[in-house]
């Protein structure tokens, strides 16, 4: 098994559509107790799975949920911290309709 410390995530799927990120989201990678643990502090992401591919899929699902909750939600429903996270998501993932709402 090759040991890696981090992994760049360069695209994600949201709503079944593949999106190329403006800049990669760097994921910290560790391997403990037969599981890959990957995380990203910037977006508060964490996933654990026996396979690296499975852990990345979980991270993708988390990003999709964040996008739906923070970007597609009405702005009046979000706190200041949530608005900050929303801007970070839009900055990383892009999206014309999201930019217009920022």
C-alpha atoms as a PDB file:
ATOM      1  CA  UNK A   1       0.000   0.000   0.000  1.00  0.00           C
ATOM      2  CA  UNK A   2       1.334   3.397  -1.019  1.00  0.00           C
ATOM      3  CA  UNK A   3       1.052   6.001   1.727  1.00  0.00           C
ATOM      4  CA  UNK A   4      -0.101   9.491   0.726  1.00  0.00           C
ATOM      5  CA  UNK A   5      -0.616  12.513   2.964  1.00  0.00           C
ATOM      6  CA  UNK A   6      -2.974  14.523   0.768  1.00  0.00           C
ATOM      7  CA  UNK A   7      -5.011  14.231  -2.385  1.00  0.00           C
ATOM      8  CA  UNK A   8      -6.302  16.968  -4.706  1.00  0.00           C
ATOM      9  CA  UNK A   9      -9.997  16.718  -5.567  1.00  0.00           C
ATOM     10  CA  UNK A  10     -10.379  18.413  -8.957  1.00  0.00           C
ATOM     11  CA  UNK A  11     -13.992  17.622  -9.847  1.00  0.00           C
ATOM     12  CA  UNK A  12     -17.240  16.715  -8.097  1.00  0.00           C
ATOM     13  CA  UNK A  13     -20.724  15.606  -9.082  1.00  0.00           C
ATOM     14  CA  UNK A  14     -23.664  17.735  -8.050  1.00  0.00           C
ATOM     15  CA  UNK A  15     -27.149  16.815  -9.168  1.00  0.00           C
ATOM     16  CA  UNK A  16     -25.708  14.163 -11.470  1.00  0.00           C
ATOM     17  CA  UNK A  17     -23.590  16.774 -13.277  1.00  0.00           C
ATOM     18  CA  UNK A  18     -19.794  16.638 -13.185  1.00  0.00           C
ATOM     19  CA  UNK A  19     -18.238  19.974 -12.208  1.00  0.00           C
ATOM     20  CA  UNK A  20     -14.574  20.849 -12.727  1.00  0.00           C
ATOM     21  CA  UNK A  21     -13.414  22.861  -9.719  1.00  0.00           C
ATOM     22  CA  UNK A  22     -11.833  26.280 -10.223  1.00  0.00           C
ATOM     23  CA  UNK A  23      -9.074  25.093  -7.914  1.00  0.00           C
ATOM     24  CA  UNK A  24      -8.605  21.690  -6.285  1.00  0.00           C
ATOM     25  CA  UNK A  25      -9.905  20.969  -2.818  1.00  0.00           C
ATOM     26  CA  UNK A  26      -6.991  19.367  -0.990  1.00  0.00           C
ATOM     27  CA  UNK A  27      -7.951  16.400   1.151  1.00  0.00           C
ATOM     28  CA  UNK A  28      -5.805  15.195   4.041  1.00  0.00           C
ATOM     29  CA  UNK A  29      -5.409  11.416   3.868  1.00  0.00           C
ATOM     30  CA  UNK A  30      -4.577   8.946   6.609  1.00  0.00           C
ATOM     31  CA  UNK A  31      -4.931   5.180   6.938  1.00  0.00           C
ATOM     32  CA  UNK A  32      -5.912   3.685  10.284  1.00  0.00           C
ATOM     33  CA  UNK A  33      -7.488   0.393  11.306  1.00  0.00           C
ATOM     34  CA  UNK A  34      -7.950  -0.747   7.696  1.00  0.00           C
ATOM     35  CA  UNK A  35      -9.785   2.449   6.717  1.00  0.00           C
ATOM     36  CA  UNK A  36      -8.868   5.506   4.702  1.00  0.00           C
ATOM     37  CA  UNK A  37      -9.759   8.705   6.500  1.00  0.00           C
ATOM     38  CA  UNK A  38      -9.905  11.808   4.348  1.00  0.00           C
ATOM     39  CA  UNK A  39     -10.781  15.307   5.459  1.00  0.00           C
ATOM     40  CA  UNK A  40     -10.732  18.984   4.598  1.00  0.00           C
ATOM     41  CA  UNK A  41     -10.911  21.607   7.332  1.00  0.00           C
ATOM     42  CA  UNK A  42     -11.888  24.480   5.015  1.00  0.00           C
ATOM     43  CA  UNK A  43     -15.232  22.840   4.205  1.00  0.00           C
ATOM     44  CA  UNK A  44     -15.556  20.735   7.376  1.00  0.00           C
ATOM     45  CA  UNK A  45     -15.439  17.477   5.396  1.00  0.00           C
ATOM     46  CA  UNK A  46     -14.587  14.031   6.770  1.00  0.00           C
ATOM     47  CA  UNK A  47     -15.090  10.530   5.385  1.00  0.00           C
ATOM     48  CA  UNK A  48     -13.895   7.056   6.299  1.00  0.00           C
ATOM     49  CA  UNK A  49     -14.032   3.925   4.167  1.00  0.00           C
ATOM     50  CA  UNK A  50     -11.998   0.744   3.596  1.00  0.00           C
ATOM     51  CA  UNK A  51     -11.244   1.959   0.059  1.00  0.00           C
ATOM     52  CA  UNK A  52      -9.872   5.326  -0.980  1.00  0.00           C
ATOM     53  CA  UNK A  53     -12.412   5.410  -3.800  1.00  0.00           C
ATOM     54  CA  UNK A  54     -15.246   4.905  -1.305  1.00  0.00           C
ATOM     55  CA  UNK A  55     -13.973   7.663   0.979  1.00  0.00           C
ATOM     56  CA  UNK A  56     -13.736  10.057  -1.981  1.00  0.00           C
ATOM     57  CA  UNK A  57     -17.307   9.162  -2.969  1.00  0.00           C
ATOM     58  CA  UNK A  58     -18.450  10.009   0.573  1.00  0.00           C
ATOM     59  CA  UNK A  59     -16.654  13.372   0.388  1.00  0.00           C
ATOM     60  CA  UNK A  60     -18.387  14.054  -2.928  1.00  0.00           C
ATOM     61  CA  UNK A  61     -21.755  13.303  -1.301  1.00  0.00           C
ATOM     62  CA  UNK A  62     -20.932  15.701   1.552  1.00  0.00           C
ATOM     63  CA  UNK A  63     -20.006  18.454  -0.919  1.00  0.00           C
ATOM     64  CA  UNK A  64     -23.265  17.899  -2.796  1.00  0.00           C
ATOM     65  CA  UNK A  65     -25.246  18.240   0.451  1.00  0.00           C
ATOM     66  CA  UNK A  66     -23.338  21.415   1.374  1.00  0.00           C
ATOM     67  CA  UNK A  67     -24.041  22.870  -2.066  1.00  0.00           C
ATOM     68  CA  UNK A  68     -27.753  22.084  -1.819  1.00  0.00           C
ATOM     69  CA  UNK A  69     -28.040  23.411   1.725  1.00  0.00           C
ATOM     70  CA  UNK A  70     -25.885  26.538   1.518  1.00  0.00           C
ATOM     71  CA  UNK A  71     -25.915  27.615  -2.135  1.00  0.00           C
ATOM     72  CA  UNK A  72     -29.359  26.591  -3.286  1.00  0.00           C
ATOM     73  CA  UNK A  73     -31.000  27.776  -0.046  1.00  0.00           C
ATOM     74  CA  UNK A  74     -32.524  31.204   0.271  1.00  0.00           C
ATOM     75  CA  UNK A  75     -30.044  33.810   1.486  1.00  0.00           C
ATOM     76  CA  UNK A  76     -32.396  35.014   4.221  1.00  0.00           C
ATOM     77  CA  UNK A  77     -32.285  31.533   5.775  1.00  0.00           C
ATOM     78  CA  UNK A  78     -28.498  31.614   6.376  1.00  0.00           C
ATOM     79  CA  UNK A  79     -26.467  32.931   9.311  1.00  0.00           C
ATOM     80  CA  UNK A  80     -23.295  34.962   8.719  1.00  0.00           C
ATOM     81  CA  UNK A  81     -21.106  31.855   9.152  1.00  0.00           C
ATOM     82  CA  UNK A  82     -23.308  29.987   6.686  1.00  0.00           C
ATOM     83  CA  UNK A  83     -23.014  32.872   4.210  1.00  0.00           C
ATOM     84  CA  UNK A  84     -19.217  32.721   4.555  1.00  0.00           C
ATOM     85  CA  UNK A  85     -19.238  28.972   3.830  1.00  0.00           C
ATOM     86  CA  UNK A  86     -21.564  29.617   0.901  1.00  0.00           C
ATOM     87  CA  UNK A  87     -19.072  32.090  -0.586  1.00  0.00           C
ATOM     88  CA  UNK A  88     -16.252  29.549  -0.120  1.00  0.00           C
ATOM     89  CA  UNK A  89     -18.280  26.878  -1.930  1.00  0.00           C
ATOM     90  CA  UNK A  90     -19.139  29.214  -4.798  1.00  0.00           C
ATOM     91  CA  UNK A  91     -15.507  30.283  -5.040  1.00  0.00           C
ATOM     92  CA  UNK A  92     -14.282  26.681  -5.272  1.00  0.00           C
ATOM     93  CA  UNK A  93     -17.062  25.207  -7.412  1.00  0.00           C
ATOM     94  CA  UNK A  94     -18.252  28.205  -9.384  1.00  0.00           C
ATOM     95  CA  UNK A  95     -21.607  28.356 -11.036  1.00  0.00           C
ATOM     96  CA  UNK A  96     -23.201  31.297 -12.807  1.00  0.00           C
ATOM     97  CA  UNK A  97     -26.533  31.154 -10.979  1.00  0.00           C
ATOM     98  CA  UNK A  98     -24.778  30.820  -7.639  1.00  0.00           C
ATOM     99  CA  UNK A  99     -22.484  33.764  -8.419  1.00  0.00           C
ATOM    100  CA  UNK A 100     -25.476  35.922  -9.231  1.00  0.00           C
ATOM    101  CA  UNK A 101     -27.022  35.132  -5.840  1.00  0.00           C
ATOM    102  CA  UNK A 102     -23.836  35.752  -3.803  1.00  0.00           C
END
